[in-house]
Amino acid sequence: MTGREDRVGEGRVYIGSFTSAGGRGITTAAVDGRTGALTVLGSTDAVPDPSYLARGPHHLYAVSEAEHGLVRAFALDAAGLPHPAGPPVPVAGAGPTHLGLAGSWLLTANYTSGSVSALRVRPEGTLGGPASVLAHRGSGPDPERQQAPHAHQVLADPSGRWVLSVDLGTDSVRVCAADRGTGALSVHTELRLPPGNGPRHLAFHASGALVYVLNELRPLLTVCRWDAAAGSLEPVGEVPVAPEGAPGSVRAYPSAIVAAPDGRFVWAAVRGPDAIAVLDTAGDPAQPRLTATVPTAGRWPRDLALDPSGQRLYAANERSGDVTWFTVDPRNGLPRRAGSVPVPAASCVLFG
């Protein structure tokens, strides 16, 4: 780890990036609690292409989005800086793009191989090898993006009982049961979305009773009711996340979604137009309304993160190589640009 280490006590932000595209790996930044401004403290390239990160109680975890996918655990020192804790661990899958914690298991969504892996998290926070791999099956109508399964996100539901995996290649969201002892995943139910939607990520409403599924191949948000007791999703509507009908407009590729902790707003990053879509849920959370799109002031926003206070948004602009932050107007949810920091090939933002 290199860089400044003299800002103990401030909040920390961890930024993943593609080392194969000139990124520095995992960048650590201090976050000013008053302004939201980021100050880069240093970086580590101890794992290649750490495109997505997750935070455990005492450790940071990173995927390596490579043909032979890996994950690595990092211990955090008193300054909040990460240091490798054990060697990289294979996930028995290709191109992992997302990871999340579910109890004592670390789950990875392996895009290229279309599978989900479960790795044991040892009591001290280090990782064991993959205990189980669940292979997805199916395809979609897009010949370039849906010729095979492409798992893009995996996360536990708020109840902790279920694991949801979002598959862009098969136009589906799988609800899986996880064996707490072995980590083995089994498909419980599967929601089939309209062919060609290409679901990428989802977020839960604050109530835990709704799920917002963000589609990449069509710029739509699919709203679903979530029944945690039954482990099932029921679609109830779709909402655009990009303005329609603009002449000469570029194709929109939504990438990331976040929901406000009070349930009032939903925001989605949209590549192509390079904007943040603002959706208001005041009337009915099951019928959010697109009220505005705000430029990200950067190119190709791959990820979007909300700070713990719910007052600021941070966009990881992959192609312009920066992270931009915005102050959110609590009355209408509109983000107002407040600053940016250079981070080459930025891919995700995580508050630590």
Protein backbone atom coordinates (compact mmCIF):
# COMPACT_ATOMS: atom_id res chain seq x y z
CA MET A 1 0.00 0.00 0.00
CA THR A 2 1.35 3.40 -0.93
CA GLY A 3 0.14 6.90 -0.15
CA ARG A 4 -0.79 9.18 2.75
CA GLU A 5 -1.76 7.54 6.04
CA ASP A 6 -2.19 10.59 8.28
CA ARG A 7 -5.96 11.05 8.22
CA VAL A 8 -7.03 8.55 10.87
CA GLY A 9 -10.57 9.20 12.13
CA GLU A 10 -12.18 10.29 8.86
CA GLY A 11 -14.53 8.06 6.91
CA ARG A 12 -13.14 5.81 4.21
CA VAL A 13 -14.19 5.08 0.64
CA TYR A 14 -12.76 2.20 -1.40
CA ILE A 15 -12.74 2.44 -5.18
CA GLY A 16 -12.19 -0.55 -7.46
CA SER A 17 -10.65 -0.14 -10.91
CA PHE A 18 -9.43 -2.12 -13.90
CA THR A 19 -5.64 -2.53 -13.71
CA SER A 20 -5.70 -3.92 -17.28
CA ALA A 21 -6.99 -0.49 -18.42
CA GLY A 22 -4.54 1.62 -16.42
CA GLY A 23 -6.31 1.54 -13.07
CA ARG A 24 -4.46 1.41 -9.76
CA GLY A 25 -6.42 -1.51 -8.32
CA ILE A 26 -8.07 -0.60 -5.02
CA THR A 27 -7.85 3.09 -4.19
CA THR A 28 -8.51 4.26 -0.64
CA ALA A 29 -9.84 7.76 -0.06
CA ALA A 30 -10.75 9.77 3.03
CA VAL A 31 -14.23 11.26 2.92
CA ASP A 32 -14.99 14.59 4.55
CA GLY A 33 -18.14 14.15 6.63
CA ARG A 34 -19.13 17.79 6.16
CA THR A 35 -18.66 18.22 2.40
CA GLY A 36 -18.42 14.67 1.07
CA ALA A 37 -15.12 15.51 -0.64
CA LEU A 38 -12.71 12.65 -1.29
CA THR A 39 -8.95 12.79 -0.68
CA VAL A 40 -6.97 9.89 -2.13
CA LEU A 41 -4.73 8.23 0.47
CA GLY A 42 -3.17 5.49 -1.64
CA SER A 43 -3.77 2.35 -3.67
CA THR A 44 -2.87 -1.31 -3.92
CA ASP A 45 -2.67 -3.55 -6.98
CA ALA A 46 -2.42 -6.73 -4.92
CA VAL A 47 -5.25 -8.21 -6.98
CA PRO A 48 -5.69 -7.56 -10.74
CA ASP A 49 -8.87 -5.93 -12.06
CA PRO A 50 -10.73 -5.58 -8.73
CA SER A 51 -13.91 -4.44 -10.44
CA TYR A 52 -16.15 -4.91 -7.40
CA LEU A 53 -15.66 -4.76 -3.64
CA ALA A 54 -17.56 -5.83 -0.52
CA ARG A 55 -17.09 -4.98 3.14
CA GLY A 56 -17.16 -7.44 6.02
CA PRO A 57 -16.97 -6.65 9.75
CA HIS A 58 -13.18 -6.35 9.71
CA HIS A 59 -12.11 -7.10 6.13
CA LEU A 60 -12.48 -5.82 2.59
CA TYR A 61 -13.08 -8.30 -0.23
CA ALA A 62 -12.35 -7.85 -3.94
CA VAL A 63 -13.04 -9.88 -7.06
CA SER A 64 -10.49 -10.24 -9.81
CA GLU A 65 -12.51 -10.00 -13.01
CA ALA A 66 -10.33 -12.33 -15.06
CA GLU A 67 -10.75 -15.50 -17.12
CA HIS A 68 -9.74 -17.54 -14.10
CA GLY A 69 -11.66 -15.56 -11.52
CA LEU A 70 -10.27 -14.85 -8.07
CA VAL A 71 -11.24 -13.15 -4.85
CA ARG A 72 -8.95 -11.75 -2.19
CA ALA A 73 -9.43 -10.64 1.41
CA PHE A 74 -7.81 -7.49 2.77
CA ALA A 75 -7.38 -6.61 6.44
CA LEU A 76 -7.83 -2.94 7.33
CA ASP A 77 -5.28 -1.18 9.52
CA ALA A 78 -5.94 1.62 12.02
CA ALA A 79 -5.93 4.17 9.18
CA GLY A 80 -8.48 2.16 7.21
CA LEU A 81 -5.93 1.09 4.59
CA PRO A 82 -6.22 -2.45 3.13
CA HIS A 83 -3.46 -5.06 3.30
CA PRO A 84 -3.68 -8.58 1.81
CA ALA A 85 -4.94 -11.20 4.27
CA GLY A 86 -4.04 -14.50 2.67
CA PRO A 87 -3.48 -15.38 -0.98
CA PRO A 88 -5.99 -14.87 -3.80
CA VAL A 89 -8.58 -17.66 -3.87
CA PRO A 90 -10.05 -19.13 -7.10
CA VAL A 91 -13.83 -18.90 -7.47
CA ALA A 92 -14.07 -21.77 -9.99
CA GLY A 93 -15.73 -19.37 -12.41
CA ALA A 94 -14.80 -16.87 -15.11
CA GLY A 95 -15.14 -13.09 -15.04
CA PRO A 96 -16.59 -12.43 -11.56
CA THR A 97 -18.25 -9.00 -11.64
CA HIS A 98 -19.97 -8.78 -8.26
CA LEU A 99 -19.71 -10.17 -4.76
CA GLY A 100 -21.64 -10.02 -1.52
CA LEU A 101 -21.70 -11.52 1.95
CA ALA A 102 -24.39 -13.93 3.17
CA GLY A 103 -23.71 -15.05 6.72
CA SER A 104 -20.38 -16.84 6.81
CA TRP A 105 -20.19 -17.10 3.02
CA LEU A 106 -18.84 -14.80 0.34
CA LEU A 107 -20.79 -15.06 -2.91
CA THR A 108 -19.52 -14.12 -6.36
CA ALA A 109 -21.50 -13.57 -9.58
CA ASN A 110 -19.34 -14.94 -12.39
CA TYR A 111 -20.38 -13.14 -15.57
CA THR A 112 -18.43 -15.02 -18.22
CA SER A 113 -19.16 -18.52 -16.94
CA GLY A 114 -22.72 -17.68 -15.90
CA SER A 115 -22.45 -19.07 -12.38
CA VAL A 116 -22.52 -18.15 -8.70
CA SER A 117 -19.83 -19.32 -6.28
CA ALA A 118 -19.94 -19.54 -2.48
CA LEU A 119 -16.67 -19.29 -0.54
CA ARG A 120 -16.33 -19.80 3.19
CA VAL A 121 -15.36 -16.79 5.29
CA ARG A 122 -13.29 -18.05 8.19
CA PRO A 123 -13.87 -16.59 11.68
CA GLU A 124 -10.78 -14.38 11.33
CA GLY A 125 -12.06 -13.01 7.99
CA THR A 126 -9.82 -14.88 5.53
CA LEU A 127 -11.25 -17.02 2.74
CA GLY A 128 -11.46 -20.70 1.95
CA GLY A 129 -11.83 -22.14 -1.53
CA PRO A 130 -15.21 -22.34 -3.30
CA ALA A 131 -17.47 -24.71 -1.39
CA SER A 132 -20.11 -24.73 -4.10
CA VAL A 133 -20.76 -23.39 -7.59
CA LEU A 134 -24.27 -22.97 -8.98
CA ALA A 135 -24.31 -22.95 -12.79
CA HIS A 136 -27.06 -20.96 -14.49
CA ARG A 137 -28.77 -22.29 -17.60
CA GLY A 138 -30.40 -20.55 -20.56
CA SER A 139 -29.93 -17.71 -23.05
CA GLY A 140 -31.70 -14.69 -24.52
CA PRO A 141 -32.49 -13.12 -27.90
CA ASP A 142 -29.55 -10.68 -28.08
CA PRO A 143 -26.90 -12.54 -30.15
CA GLU A 144 -24.01 -10.51 -28.75
CA ARG A 145 -24.88 -10.30 -25.06
CA GLN A 146 -27.25 -13.19 -24.37
CA GLN A 147 -25.78 -16.20 -26.09
CA ALA A 148 -25.28 -17.85 -22.68
CA PRO A 149 -25.94 -17.18 -18.99
CA HIS A 150 -24.21 -14.11 -17.54
CA ALA A 151 -24.63 -13.75 -13.78
CA HIS A 152 -24.12 -10.06 -12.98
CA GLN A 153 -25.08 -9.62 -9.34
CA VAL A 154 -25.62 -11.78 -6.27
CA LEU A 155 -26.84 -10.64 -2.86
CA ALA A 156 -28.75 -11.74 0.21
CA ASP A 157 -32.25 -10.40 0.80
CA PRO A 158 -32.93 -8.27 3.92
CA SER A 159 -34.30 -11.26 5.83
CA GLY A 160 -31.04 -13.15 5.31
CA ARG A 161 -32.99 -16.23 4.27
CA TRP A 162 -32.58 -16.02 0.50
CA VAL A 163 -29.91 -15.22 -2.08
CA LEU A 164 -30.90 -13.42 -5.29
CA SER A 165 -28.82 -13.73 -8.45
CA VAL A 166 -29.41 -11.45 -11.44
CA ASP A 167 -28.60 -12.92 -14.85
CA LEU A 168 -28.28 -10.61 -17.87
CA GLY A 169 -27.92 -13.50 -20.33
CA THR A 170 -31.07 -15.40 -19.38
CA ASP A 171 -33.37 -12.42 -18.60
CA SER A 172 -34.03 -13.76 -15.14
CA VAL A 173 -33.62 -13.28 -11.40
CA ARG A 174 -33.12 -16.49 -9.45
CA VAL A 175 -34.08 -16.79 -5.81
CA CYS A 176 -31.82 -19.35 -4.17
CA ALA A 177 -31.78 -21.14 -0.86
CA ALA A 178 -28.36 -21.37 0.77
CA ASP A 179 -27.29 -24.21 3.02
CA ARG A 180 -25.74 -22.43 6.00
CA GLY A 181 -23.48 -25.38 6.76
CA THR A 182 -22.11 -26.18 3.30
CA GLY A 183 -22.72 -22.98 1.33
CA ALA A 184 -24.50 -24.96 -1.39
CA LEU A 185 -27.00 -22.88 -3.38
CA SER A 186 -30.17 -24.29 -4.93
CA VAL A 187 -32.72 -22.47 -7.08
CA HIS A 188 -36.00 -21.97 -5.20
CA THR A 189 -37.90 -19.78 -7.69
CA GLU A 190 -37.00 -17.97 -10.90
CA LEU A 191 -38.50 -14.75 -12.23
CA ARG A 192 -38.50 -14.58 -16.02
CA LEU A 193 -38.38 -11.03 -17.39
CA PRO A 194 -39.34 -10.01 -20.94
CA PRO A 195 -36.83 -11.41 -23.48
CA GLY A 196 -34.04 -8.96 -24.25
CA ASN A 197 -34.35 -6.89 -21.06
CA GLY A 198 -30.92 -7.97 -19.85
CA PRO A 199 -31.30 -7.46 -16.06
CA ARG A 200 -28.05 -6.31 -14.45
CA HIS A 201 -28.54 -5.18 -10.83
CA LEU A 202 -31.32 -4.81 -8.28
CA ALA A 203 -31.98 -2.92 -5.05
CA PHE A 204 -34.50 -3.42 -2.26
CA HIS A 205 -36.90 -0.69 -1.17
CA ALA A 206 -36.45 0.38 2.45
CA SER A 207 -39.60 -1.54 3.41
CA GLY A 208 -38.09 -4.80 2.19
CA ALA A 209 -41.34 -5.52 0.34
CA LEU A 210 -40.29 -4.26 -3.11
CA VAL A 211 -37.38 -4.96 -5.43
CA TYR A 212 -36.22 -2.62 -8.21
CA VAL A 213 -34.54 -4.56 -11.04
CA LEU A 214 -32.40 -2.45 -13.36
CA ASN A 215 -32.18 -3.75 -16.92
CA GLU A 216 -29.10 -3.04 -19.05
CA LEU A 217 -30.16 -4.00 -22.58
CA ARG A 218 -33.40 -2.02 -22.34
CA PRO A 219 -33.25 1.15 -20.21
CA LEU A 220 -36.06 0.07 -17.90
CA LEU A 221 -36.60 -0.42 -14.20
CA THR A 222 -38.76 -3.44 -13.40
CA VAL A 223 -40.64 -3.10 -10.10
CA CYS A 224 -41.38 -6.35 -8.25
CA ARG A 225 -43.17 -7.23 -5.06
CA TRP A 226 -40.97 -9.35 -2.80
CA ASP A 227 -42.47 -12.03 -0.58
CA ALA A 228 -39.73 -12.97 1.87
CA ALA A 229 -41.85 -15.72 3.44
CA ALA A 230 -42.39 -17.47 0.10
CA GLY A 231 -39.10 -16.41 -1.51
CA SER A 232 -40.82 -15.09 -4.62
CA LEU A 233 -40.83 -12.03 -6.88
CA GLU A 234 -43.90 -10.69 -8.67
CA PRO A 235 -43.41 -7.99 -11.35
CA VAL A 236 -45.90 -5.12 -11.05
CA GLY A 237 -44.63 -2.60 -13.58
CA GLU A 238 -41.82 -1.06 -15.63
CA VAL A 239 -40.49 2.48 -15.65
CA PRO A 240 -38.03 4.06 -18.13
CA VAL A 241 -34.73 5.32 -16.73
CA ALA A 242 -33.70 7.27 -19.82
CA PRO A 243 -35.63 9.94 -21.74
CA GLU A 244 -37.37 8.50 -24.78
CA GLY A 245 -37.67 9.90 -28.27
CA ALA A 246 -34.74 12.34 -28.26
CA PRO A 247 -33.50 12.61 -31.86
CA GLY A 248 -29.95 11.41 -32.36
CA SER A 249 -29.70 10.18 -28.78
CA VAL A 250 -27.10 7.54 -27.98
CA ARG A 251 -28.11 4.09 -26.78
CA ALA A 252 -28.53 3.86 -23.02
CA TYR A 253 -26.91 1.12 -20.94
CA PRO A 254 -28.04 1.30 -17.30
CA SER A 255 -25.42 0.02 -14.89
CA ALA A 256 -26.14 0.54 -11.17
CA ILE A 257 -29.06 1.31 -8.88
CA VAL A 258 -29.40 2.61 -5.33
CA ALA A 259 -32.47 3.25 -3.18
CA ALA A 260 -32.75 5.90 -0.48
CA PRO A 261 -32.67 4.61 3.11
CA ASP A 262 -35.98 6.37 3.79
CA GLY A 263 -37.58 4.86 0.66
CA ARG A 264 -38.33 8.21 -0.99
CA PHE A 265 -36.09 8.08 -4.08
CA VAL A 266 -34.35 5.63 -6.40
CA TRP A 267 -31.34 6.57 -8.54
CA ALA A 268 -29.86 4.72 -11.51
CA ALA A 269 -26.60 5.29 -13.38
CA VAL A 270 -27.05 5.19 -17.15
CA ARG A 271 -24.08 4.85 -19.49
CA GLY A 272 -24.26 6.29 -23.00
CA PRO A 273 -26.18 9.39 -21.97
CA ASP A 274 -23.83 9.32 -18.93
CA ALA A 275 -26.50 10.43 -16.51
CA ILE A 276 -28.14 9.69 -13.19
CA ALA A 277 -31.85 8.95 -13.46
CA VAL A 278 -33.95 10.25 -10.56
CA LEU A 279 -37.10 8.33 -9.68
CA ASP A 280 -39.58 9.62 -7.10
CA THR A 281 -41.56 7.09 -5.06
CA ALA A 282 -43.61 9.58 -3.01
CA GLY A 283 -46.96 8.64 -4.53
CA ASP A 284 -46.50 4.87 -4.40
CA PRO A 285 -43.15 3.04 -4.05
CA ALA A 286 -44.52 0.39 -6.42
CA GLN A 287 -45.00 3.09 -9.08
CA PRO A 288 -41.86 5.25 -9.12
CA ARG A 289 -41.83 8.20 -11.53
CA LEU A 290 -38.84 9.30 -13.59
CA THR A 291 -38.57 13.00 -12.72
CA ALA A 292 -35.14 13.97 -14.08
CA THR A 293 -31.84 12.84 -15.54
CA VAL A 294 -28.69 14.63 -14.37
CA PRO A 295 -25.29 14.44 -16.17
CA THR A 296 -22.58 12.58 -14.25
CA ALA A 297 -19.92 15.05 -15.48
CA GLY A 298 -17.91 12.00 -16.54
CA ARG A 299 -17.98 9.20 -19.11
CA TRP A 300 -19.48 5.72 -18.67
CA PRO A 301 -20.72 5.63 -15.06
CA ARG A 302 -20.23 1.98 -14.17
CA ASP A 303 -21.25 2.27 -10.53
CA LEU A 304 -23.29 4.50 -8.26
CA ALA A 305 -23.10 4.63 -4.47
CA LEU A 306 -25.03 6.47 -1.78
CA ASP A 307 -23.21 7.60 1.35
CA PRO A 308 -24.46 6.24 4.71
CA SER A 309 -26.30 9.49 5.46
CA GLY A 310 -28.28 9.29 2.22
CA GLN A 311 -27.25 12.85 1.40
CA ARG A 312 -24.67 12.28 -1.35
CA LEU A 313 -24.22 10.15 -4.46
CA TYR A 314 -20.89 9.02 -5.91
CA ALA A 315 -20.49 7.94 -9.54
CA ALA A 316 -17.54 5.83 -10.74
CA ASN A 317 -16.95 7.08 -14.30
CA GLU A 318 -14.93 4.32 -15.91
CA ARG A 319 -13.93 5.88 -19.24
CA SER A 320 -13.17 9.39 -18.03
CA GLY A 321 -11.29 7.95 -15.06
CA ASP A 322 -12.82 9.78 -12.12
CA VAL A 323 -15.26 9.56 -9.24
CA THR A 324 -17.76 12.43 -9.07
CA TRP A 325 -19.85 13.23 -6.02
CA PHE A 326 -23.19 14.99 -5.77
CA THR A 327 -25.22 16.57 -3.00
CA VAL A 328 -28.81 15.30 -3.07
CA ASP A 329 -31.66 17.76 -2.65
CA PRO A 330 -33.90 16.14 0.00
CA ARG A 331 -37.03 17.75 -1.48
CA ASN A 332 -36.83 16.33 -5.00
CA GLY A 333 -33.89 13.89 -5.01
CA LEU A 334 -31.96 15.90 -7.60
CA PRO A 335 -28.17 15.40 -7.41
CA ARG A 336 -26.03 18.56 -7.65
CA ARG A 337 -22.39 18.09 -8.62
CA ALA A 338 -20.04 19.00 -5.77
CA GLY A 339 -16.63 17.72 -6.87
CA SER A 340 -14.55 14.92 -8.37
CA VAL A 341 -11.27 13.08 -7.93
CA PRO A 342 -9.19 11.30 -10.63
CA VAL A 343 -9.32 7.49 -10.44
CA PRO A 344 -8.25 5.82 -13.71
CA ALA A 345 -10.63 3.09 -14.99
CA ALA A 346 -12.88 3.43 -11.93
CA SER A 347 -15.40 0.60 -11.63
CA CYS A 348 -17.05 0.74 -8.18
CA VAL A 349 -17.38 2.82 -5.03
CA LEU A 350 -17.78 1.33 -1.55
CA PHE A 351 -18.16 3.10 1.77
CA GLY A 352 -16.14 1.46 4.50
